[in-house]
C-alpha atoms as a PDB file:
ATOM      1  CA  MET A   1      98.347 112.566  85.413  1.00  0.00           C
ATOM      2  CA  LYS A   2      97.307 108.772  85.568  1.00  0.00           C
ATOM      3  CA  ARG A   3      95.096 109.626  88.522  1.00  0.00           C
ATOM      4  CA  THR A   4      93.469 112.501  86.883  1.00  0.00           C
ATOM      5  CA  LEU A   5      92.632 110.355  83.637  1.00  0.00           C
ATOM      6  CA  SER A   6      91.120 107.591  85.767  1.00  0.00           C
ATOM      7  CA  ALA A   7      88.941 110.264  87.570  1.00  0.00           C
ATOM      8  CA  ILE A   8      87.887 111.807  84.448  1.00  0.00           C
ATOM      9  CA  LEU A   9      87.024 108.116  83.063  1.00  0.00           C
ATOM     10  CA  PHE A  10      85.153 107.330  86.192  1.00  0.00           C
ATOM     11  CA  VAL A  11      83.046 110.486  86.054  1.00  0.00           C
ATOM     12  CA  VAL A  12      82.196 109.857  82.321  1.00  0.00           C
ATOM     13  CA  VAL A  13      81.296 106.212  82.856  1.00  0.00           C
ATOM     14  CA  PHE A  14      79.148 107.488  86.018  1.00  0.00           C
ATOM     15  CA  VAL A  15      77.516 109.922  83.939  1.00  0.00           C
ATOM     16  CA  LEU A  16      76.706 107.571  81.214  1.00  0.00           C
ATOM     17  CA  GLY A  17      75.257 105.056  83.600  1.00  0.00           C
ATOM     18  CA  VAL A  18      73.087 107.649  85.397  1.00  0.00           C
ATOM     19  CA  SER A  19      71.752 108.827  81.978  1.00  0.00           C
ATOM     20  CA  PHE A  20      71.092 105.338  80.795  1.00  0.00           C
ATOM     21  CA  ALA A  21      69.111 104.626  83.995  1.00  0.00           C
ATOM     22  CA  LEU A  22      67.082 107.717  83.775  1.00  0.00           C
ATOM     23  CA  LYS A  23      66.161 106.932  80.015  1.00  0.00           C
ATOM     24  CA  ASN A  24      65.183 103.249  80.892  1.00  0.00           C
ATOM     25  CA  PRO A  25      63.033 103.297  83.905  1.00  0.00           C
ATOM     26  CA  GLN A  26      60.980 100.486  82.743  1.00  0.00           C
ATOM     27  CA  GLU A  27      60.831  97.377  84.999  1.00  0.00           C
ATOM     28  CA  VAL A  28      61.313  93.855  83.792  1.00  0.00           C
ATOM     29  CA  ALA A  29      61.110  90.277  85.280  1.00  0.00           C
ATOM     30  CA  ILE A  30      63.726  87.733  84.423  1.00  0.00           C
ATOM     31  CA  GLN A  31      62.446  84.221  83.952  1.00  0.00           C
ATOM     32  CA  TYR A  32      64.914  81.633  84.584  1.00  0.00           C
ATOM     33  CA  TYR A  33      64.469  77.731  84.034  1.00  0.00           C
ATOM     34  CA  PHE A  34      62.324  75.582  86.230  1.00  0.00           C
ATOM     35  CA  GLY A  35      59.831  78.416  86.710  1.00  0.00           C
ATOM     36  CA  LEU A  36      62.125  80.653  88.947  1.00  0.00           C
ATOM     37  CA  GLU A  37      61.436  84.474  88.296  1.00  0.00           C
ATOM     38  CA  TRP A  38      63.606  87.252  89.396  1.00  0.00           C
ATOM     39  CA  GLY A  39      61.962  90.745  89.448  1.00  0.00           C
ATOM     40  CA  PRO A  40      60.475  93.080  88.225  1.00  0.00           C
ATOM     41  CA  LEU A  41      63.624  95.183  88.438  1.00  0.00           C
ATOM     42  CA  PRO A  42      64.680  98.186  86.602  1.00  0.00           C
ATOM     43  CA  VAL A  43      66.336  97.579  83.255  1.00  0.00           C
ATOM     44  CA  SER A  44      69.506  99.652  84.073  1.00  0.00           C
ATOM     45  CA  LEU A  45      69.989  97.371  87.213  1.00  0.00           C
ATOM     46  CA  ILE A  46      69.859  94.211  85.368  1.00  0.00           C
ATOM     47  CA  VAL A  47      72.353  95.566  82.704  1.00  0.00           C
ATOM     48  CA  ILE A  48      74.894  96.387  85.635  1.00  0.00           C
ATOM     49  CA  VAL A  49      74.309  93.298  87.265  1.00  0.00           C
ATOM     50  CA  VAL A  50      74.958  91.296  84.017  1.00  0.00           C
ATOM     51  CA  PHE A  51      77.970  93.508  83.154  1.00  0.00           C
ATOM     52  CA  LEU A  52      79.599  92.933  86.745  1.00  0.00           C
ATOM     53  CA  VAL A  53      78.991  89.290  86.409  1.00  0.00           C
ATOM     54  CA  GLY A  54      80.742  89.314  83.081  1.00  0.00           C
ATOM     55  CA  ILE A  55      83.655  91.168  84.447  1.00  0.00           C
ATOM     56  CA  ILE A  56      83.957  88.805  87.312  1.00  0.00           C
ATOM     57  CA  VAL A  57      83.656  85.642  85.225  1.00  0.00           C
ATOM     58  CA  GLY A  58      86.109  87.043  82.834  1.00  0.00           C
ATOM     59  CA  GLY A  59      88.615  88.022  85.265  1.00  0.00           C
ATOM     60  CA  LEU A  60      88.441  84.525  86.765  1.00  0.00           C
ATOM     61  CA  VAL A  61      88.930  82.847  83.126  1.00  0.00           C
ATOM     62  CA  ALA A  62      91.966  85.069  82.649  1.00  0.00           C
ATOM     63  CA  PHE A  63      93.336  84.443  86.117  1.00  0.00           C
ATOM     64  CA  LEU A  64      93.273  80.705  85.805  1.00  0.00           C
ATOM     65  CA  PRO A  65      96.255  80.342  83.457  1.00  0.00           C
ATOM     66  CA  ILE A  66      98.297  82.782  85.720  1.00  0.00           C
ATOM     67  CA  LEU A  67      97.758  80.358  88.528  1.00  0.00           C
ATOM     68  CA  ALA A  68      99.008  77.420  86.341  1.00  0.00           C
ATOM     69  CA  ARG A  69     102.115  79.456  85.299  1.00  0.00           C
ATOM     70  CA  GLN A  70     102.710  80.163  89.030  1.00  0.00           C
ATOM     71  CA  ARG A  71     102.368  76.724  89.984  1.00  0.00           C
ATOM     72  CA  GLU A  72     104.984  75.575  87.292  1.00  0.00           C
ATOM     73  CA  LEU A  73     107.181  78.576  88.258  1.00  0.00           C
ATOM     74  CA  ARG A  74     107.327  77.184  91.812  1.00  0.00           C
ATOM     75  CA  ARG A  75     108.027  73.627  90.564  1.00  0.00           C
ATOM     76  CA  VAL A  76     110.874  74.763  88.333  1.00  0.00           C
ATOM     77  CA  ARG A  77     112.325  77.032  91.294  1.00  0.00           C
ATOM     78  CA  ARG A  78     112.416  74.029  93.657  1.00  0.00           C
ATOM     79  CA  ARG A  79     113.930  71.875  90.965  1.00  0.00           C
ATOM     80  CA  MET A  80     116.593  74.416  90.309  1.00  0.00           C
ATOM     81  CA  ALA A  81     117.331  74.622  94.044  1.00  0.00           C
ATOM     82  CA  GLU A  82     117.650  71.051  94.201  1.00  0.00           C
ATOM     83  CA  MET A  83     120.040  71.138  91.280  1.00  0.00           C
ATOM     84  CA  GLU A  84     122.254  73.948  92.704  1.00  0.00           C
ATOM     85  CA  GLU A  85     122.391  72.054  96.070  1.00  0.00           C
ATOM     86  CA  GLU A  86     123.688  68.862  94.083  1.00  0.00           C
ATOM     87  CA  LEU A  87     126.090  70.882  92.244  1.00  0.00           C
ATOM     88  CA  SER A  88     127.362  72.494  95.487  1.00  0.00           C
ATOM     89  CA  ARG A  89     127.896  68.939  96.945  1.00  0.00           C
ATOM     90  CA  LEU A  90     129.693  67.910  94.029  1.00  0.00           C
ATOM     91  CA  ARG A  91     132.061  70.679  93.895  1.00  0.00           C
ATOM     92  CA  ARG A  92     133.005  69.938  97.660  1.00  0.00           C
ATOM     93  CA  LEU A  93     134.092  66.345  96.666  1.00  0.00           C
ATOM     94  CA  PRO A  94     137.904  65.940  96.893  1.00  0.00           C
ATOM     95  CA  LEU A  95     139.436  65.377  93.340  1.00  0.00           C
ATOM     96  CA  ARG A  96     141.366  61.986  93.028  1.00  0.00           C
ATOM     97  CA  ASP A  97     144.127  61.438  90.564  1.00  0.00           C
ATOM     98  CA  GLU A  98     143.948  58.512  88.435  1.00  0.00           C
ATOM     99  CA  PRO A  99     147.383  56.459  88.254  1.00  0.00           C
END
């Protein structure tokens, strides 16, 4: 079921993308700072590139906190292992009776 819905969604997005490209055949040039220029390229290609760059940047921004949490988790697990080892050593110590 999930695979079918994904396939249908992909087809819908693909058809919308193709229709957008066909309705916008104009070419534009992108001018950057310092006199750099990119183009002329079709509007649809520029929109797709900008969309993909946004997805990549957004994914990286969302992934950075996950990396920080994983690093914290490794630190806490290492500390827990040290504490469990210390507890195990303490349990093996002989008990002494106080007179």
